[in-house]
Amino acid sequence: MDHIADIDRDGRGLLAAARAAGLDAPVPSCPGWDVRRLLGHSGKVLERTAMLVREGLDAPPERDRYDAFPEGDAAYDRFEEDVVDVVAALTDADPALPCWNFTRHDELAGFWCRRVANELAVHRVDAELAAGVPSTVGSERGVDGVDELLTVLLPYVTAQLGPTGVTGSIHLHTTDAEGEWLTVFRDGAPTTTREHAKGDLAVRGPAGPLFLWAWHRHAIGTDGLESFGDPALLEAWASLTL
């Protein structure tokens, strides 16, 4: 899949929704955030990525390398520049270039193509929710986003924060594309395999809504999402900090 094309599309979609919502609009999927904070957060991710892949850094950039995010309508222009810049940086970079990332695994520039594509897909949806406009994620991005969350991000987050307190197994299954995962929590730590297997909880549905549910942006019972099994695990997943 073309991660860089998706970054460009979703970055511009995020910006369009931000303009429609206005900088002071609350972001319902990010309690306490307004659109300006959403743009500032997403813009910093893009700026960090561009520096990392251009320079092949072996550590995150120092704080003094970032300019303060502007106030007022200049925030829109700054974010648009960030999108253009990161697309150019990722396009020019050798995916096999050694490059730091926060997981300290797969430390290559190519890691950031996938990470930023999935990050912007989520935050584009956040901006669209703030603007009150329809929002979807395509099946291909949805499958990739669920896979990255379960196999890359969830192990990292639980290693950083400590055991989750979750016990049991969760089976996720996309209904409009190939994608099945079994995540087993033992002593609060997750292990995920890509397989068809019975879990204590099963959640299935189209890949886009399933991806958004996994990121706490979508509800079971909407857009074809169904759950079967232990309802306590649904609550436990909703409590996870991702």
Protein backbone atom coordinates (compact mmCIF):
# COMPACT_ATOMS: atom_id res chain seq x y z
CA MET A 1 0.00 0.00 0.00
CA ASP A 2 1.11 3.54 -0.64
CA HIS A 3 1.61 5.00 2.83
CA ILE A 4 3.02 8.27 1.54
CA ALA A 5 0.03 8.94 -0.72
CA ASP A 6 -2.23 8.25 2.26
CA ILE A 7 -0.24 10.69 4.40
CA ASP A 8 -0.75 13.39 1.79
CA ARG A 9 -4.47 12.64 1.43
CA ASP A 10 -5.26 12.36 5.13
CA GLY A 11 -3.07 15.32 6.03
CA ARG A 12 -5.01 17.49 3.61
CA GLY A 13 -8.29 15.98 4.80
CA LEU A 14 -7.37 16.77 8.40
CA LEU A 15 -6.59 20.36 7.41
CA ALA A 16 -9.86 20.78 5.50
CA ALA A 17 -11.86 19.50 8.47
CA ALA A 18 -9.90 21.73 10.86
CA ARG A 19 -10.72 24.78 8.76
CA ALA A 20 -14.39 23.78 8.69
CA ALA A 21 -14.49 23.28 12.46
CA GLY A 22 -12.46 26.33 13.51
CA LEU A 23 -9.46 26.40 15.85
CA ASP A 24 -11.54 26.76 19.02
CA ALA A 25 -13.87 23.84 18.29
CA PRO A 26 -13.66 21.00 20.82
CA VAL A 27 -12.48 17.59 19.59
CA PRO A 28 -14.99 15.12 21.09
CA SER A 29 -12.73 12.09 20.60
CA CYS A 30 -9.86 13.81 22.46
CA PRO A 31 -11.39 15.19 25.68
CA GLY A 32 -9.88 18.53 26.62
CA TRP A 33 -8.46 19.21 23.16
CA ASP A 34 -9.51 21.85 20.69
CA VAL A 35 -8.71 21.86 16.98
CA ARG A 36 -5.68 24.10 17.43
CA ARG A 37 -4.14 21.57 19.84
CA LEU A 38 -4.95 18.76 17.41
CA LEU A 39 -3.15 20.63 14.61
CA GLY A 40 -0.20 21.41 16.86
CA HIS A 41 0.16 17.80 18.01
CA SER A 42 -0.14 16.38 14.51
CA GLY A 43 2.17 19.02 13.07
CA LYS A 44 4.90 18.18 15.59
CA VAL A 45 4.65 14.50 14.64
CA LEU A 46 5.17 15.46 11.01
CA GLU A 47 8.05 17.81 11.78
CA ARG A 48 9.80 15.21 13.93
CA THR A 49 9.41 12.60 11.23
CA ALA A 50 10.83 14.85 8.53
CA MET A 51 13.91 15.58 10.65
CA LEU A 52 14.42 11.93 11.55
CA VAL A 53 14.31 10.55 8.02
CA ARG A 54 16.23 13.39 6.39
CA GLU A 55 19.10 13.13 8.84
CA GLY A 56 18.96 9.46 9.82
CA LEU A 57 18.98 10.45 13.50
CA ASP A 58 19.69 7.84 16.17
CA ALA A 59 17.72 9.77 18.81
CA PRO A 60 14.69 12.06 18.77
CA PRO A 61 15.39 15.70 17.80
CA GLU A 62 16.13 18.09 20.64
CA ARG A 63 13.25 20.31 21.77
CA ASP A 64 14.97 23.48 20.62
CA ARG A 65 14.70 22.32 17.01
CA TYR A 66 10.95 22.89 16.98
CA ASP A 67 9.46 26.32 16.40
CA ALA A 68 6.45 27.27 18.51
CA PHE A 69 3.18 26.41 16.78
CA PRO A 70 1.53 29.67 15.67
CA GLU A 71 -1.65 31.20 16.98
CA GLY A 72 -4.62 32.19 14.82
CA ASP A 73 -5.09 31.32 11.19
CA ALA A 74 -1.33 30.93 10.71
CA ALA A 75 -1.80 27.51 12.34
CA TYR A 76 -3.52 26.28 9.18
CA ASP A 77 -0.67 27.43 6.95
CA ARG A 78 1.94 25.89 9.25
CA PHE A 79 0.20 22.53 9.24
CA GLU A 80 -0.11 22.57 5.46
CA GLU A 81 3.64 23.23 5.23
CA ASP A 82 4.26 20.32 7.60
CA VAL A 83 2.26 17.96 5.38
CA VAL A 84 4.11 19.02 2.24
CA ASP A 85 7.48 18.76 4.01
CA VAL A 86 6.98 15.29 5.49
CA VAL A 87 5.69 13.90 2.18
CA ALA A 88 8.81 15.21 0.45
CA ALA A 89 11.11 13.88 3.19
CA LEU A 90 9.59 10.39 3.15
CA THR A 91 9.54 10.29 -0.66
CA ASP A 92 13.24 11.14 -0.83
CA ALA A 93 14.35 8.88 2.04
CA ASP A 94 15.75 5.38 1.58
CA PRO A 95 13.33 3.17 3.60
CA ALA A 96 16.31 1.08 4.70
CA LEU A 97 18.13 4.10 6.19
CA PRO A 98 18.89 3.51 9.90
CA CYS A 99 16.64 5.86 11.84
CA TRP A 100 15.44 6.11 15.45
CA ASN A 101 11.90 5.32 16.48
CA PHE A 102 10.33 5.16 19.91
CA THR A 103 9.81 1.36 19.88
CA ARG A 104 13.58 0.80 19.33
CA HIS A 105 12.68 -2.03 16.93
CA ASP A 106 12.72 -1.89 13.12
CA GLU A 107 14.80 1.28 13.40
CA LEU A 108 14.61 2.20 9.73
CA ALA A 109 13.16 5.20 7.94
CA GLY A 110 10.44 3.03 6.43
CA PHE A 111 8.91 2.55 9.89
CA TRP A 112 7.76 6.16 9.81
CA CYS A 113 5.82 5.83 6.55
CA ARG A 114 3.43 3.37 8.15
CA ARG A 115 3.34 5.08 11.55
CA VAL A 116 2.52 8.53 10.19
CA ALA A 117 -0.08 7.16 7.75
CA ASN A 118 -2.00 5.49 10.55
CA GLU A 119 -1.52 8.46 12.90
CA LEU A 120 -2.98 10.89 10.38
CA ALA A 121 -5.88 8.59 9.55
CA VAL A 122 -6.93 8.67 13.21
CA HIS A 123 -6.43 12.41 13.64
CA ARG A 124 -8.16 13.22 10.35
CA VAL A 125 -11.19 11.44 11.82
CA ASP A 126 -10.78 13.48 15.02
CA ALA A 127 -10.90 16.70 13.00
CA GLU A 128 -13.94 15.52 11.05
CA LEU A 129 -15.73 14.67 14.29
CA ALA A 130 -14.95 18.19 15.50
CA ALA A 131 -16.37 19.60 12.27
CA GLY A 132 -19.42 17.35 12.36
CA VAL A 133 -18.79 15.96 8.88
CA PRO A 134 -18.99 12.32 7.73
CA SER A 135 -15.85 10.32 8.38
CA THR A 136 -14.63 6.95 7.11
CA VAL A 137 -11.42 4.95 6.86
CA GLY A 138 -10.87 2.63 3.90
CA SER A 139 -10.51 -1.12 4.35
CA GLU A 140 -6.83 -1.30 3.36
CA ARG A 141 -5.82 1.42 5.80
CA GLY A 142 -8.07 -0.15 8.42
CA VAL A 143 -6.40 -3.56 8.17
CA ASP A 144 -2.94 -2.03 8.30
CA GLY A 145 -3.90 0.19 11.24
CA VAL A 146 -5.30 -2.68 13.30
CA ASP A 147 -2.23 -4.79 12.55
CA GLU A 148 0.18 -2.03 13.56
CA LEU A 149 -1.75 -1.30 16.74
CA LEU A 150 -1.80 -4.92 17.89
CA THR A 151 1.66 -6.08 16.79
CA VAL A 152 3.76 -2.92 17.22
CA LEU A 153 2.14 -0.27 19.42
CA LEU A 154 0.29 -2.31 22.05
CA PRO A 155 3.39 -4.30 23.12
CA TYR A 156 5.38 -1.05 23.31
CA VAL A 157 2.74 0.79 25.34
CA THR A 158 2.29 -2.03 27.84
CA ALA A 159 6.06 -2.38 28.23
CA GLN A 160 6.31 1.33 29.02
CA LEU A 161 3.31 1.63 31.31
CA GLY A 162 3.48 -1.78 32.96
CA PRO A 163 0.89 -4.58 33.05
CA THR A 164 -2.54 -3.54 31.87
CA GLY A 165 -4.53 -5.58 34.34
CA VAL A 166 -6.37 -7.14 31.39
CA THR A 167 -6.74 -10.93 31.43
CA GLY A 168 -8.12 -13.01 28.58
CA SER A 169 -8.07 -13.13 24.81
CA ILE A 170 -9.56 -10.90 22.12
CA HIS A 171 -10.17 -11.96 18.53
CA LEU A 172 -10.54 -9.19 15.94
CA HIS A 173 -11.86 -10.05 12.49
CA THR A 174 -12.41 -7.79 9.48
CA THR A 175 -15.43 -8.67 7.36
CA ASP A 176 -14.63 -6.74 4.17
CA ALA A 177 -10.95 -7.68 3.79
CA GLU A 178 -8.53 -10.34 4.97
CA GLY A 179 -7.54 -9.67 8.54
CA GLU A 180 -7.76 -11.71 11.75
CA TRP A 181 -5.82 -11.36 14.97
CA LEU A 182 -5.83 -13.07 18.35
CA THR A 183 -4.41 -11.01 21.22
CA VAL A 184 -3.85 -12.92 24.45
CA PHE A 185 -3.17 -11.02 27.68
CA ARG A 186 -1.12 -12.95 30.22
CA ASP A 187 -0.25 -11.14 33.43
CA GLY A 188 -1.45 -7.99 31.68
CA ALA A 189 1.03 -8.28 28.78
CA PRO A 190 -0.29 -8.86 25.23
CA THR A 191 0.87 -11.30 22.57
CA THR A 192 -0.76 -11.11 19.14
CA THR A 193 -0.85 -13.70 16.37
CA ARG A 194 -2.44 -13.33 12.95
CA GLU A 195 -4.87 -16.22 12.92
CA HIS A 196 -8.45 -17.37 13.09
CA ALA A 197 -8.97 -18.52 16.65
CA LYS A 198 -11.63 -18.30 19.34
CA GLY A 199 -11.16 -15.58 21.92
CA ASP A 200 -12.95 -14.77 25.16
CA LEU A 201 -14.16 -11.70 23.27
CA ALA A 202 -14.63 -11.37 19.51
CA VAL A 203 -15.11 -8.07 17.70
CA ARG A 204 -15.79 -8.10 13.98
CA GLY A 205 -16.83 -5.69 11.30
CA PRO A 206 -15.55 -3.70 8.32
CA ALA A 207 -11.87 -2.87 8.64
CA GLY A 208 -12.24 0.92 8.81
CA PRO A 209 -14.76 0.93 11.68
CA LEU A 210 -12.83 -1.86 13.42
CA PHE A 211 -9.67 0.25 13.27
CA LEU A 212 -11.51 3.24 14.71
CA TRP A 213 -13.06 1.11 17.45
CA ALA A 214 -9.61 -0.19 18.39
CA TRP A 215 -8.48 3.43 18.74
CA HIS A 216 -11.53 4.31 20.89
CA ARG A 217 -13.16 6.36 18.11
CA HIS A 218 -16.08 4.08 17.21
CA ALA A 219 -18.78 2.17 19.07
CA ILE A 220 -19.90 -1.42 18.83
CA GLY A 221 -23.30 -1.59 17.15
CA THR A 222 -22.49 1.05 14.54
CA ASP A 223 -21.36 0.61 10.93
CA GLY A 224 -21.49 -3.18 11.08
CA LEU A 225 -19.41 -3.66 14.25
CA GLU A 226 -20.45 -6.60 16.42
CA SER A 227 -19.07 -8.15 19.57
CA PHE A 228 -19.50 -11.58 21.08
CA GLY A 229 -18.33 -12.96 24.38
CA ASP A 230 -17.04 -11.39 27.58
CA PRO A 231 -18.41 -7.82 27.96
CA ALA A 232 -15.86 -7.12 30.70
CA LEU A 233 -13.11 -7.35 28.09
CA LEU A 234 -14.87 -4.67 26.03
CA GLU A 235 -14.70 -2.38 29.04
CA ALA A 236 -11.10 -3.37 29.69
CA TRP A 237 -10.09 -2.52 26.11
CA ALA A 238 -11.82 0.86 26.37
CA SER A 239 -9.75 1.60 29.46
CA LEU A 240 -6.40 0.97 27.75
CA THR A 241 -4.20 4.00 27.15
CA LEU A 242 -3.05 3.81 23.52
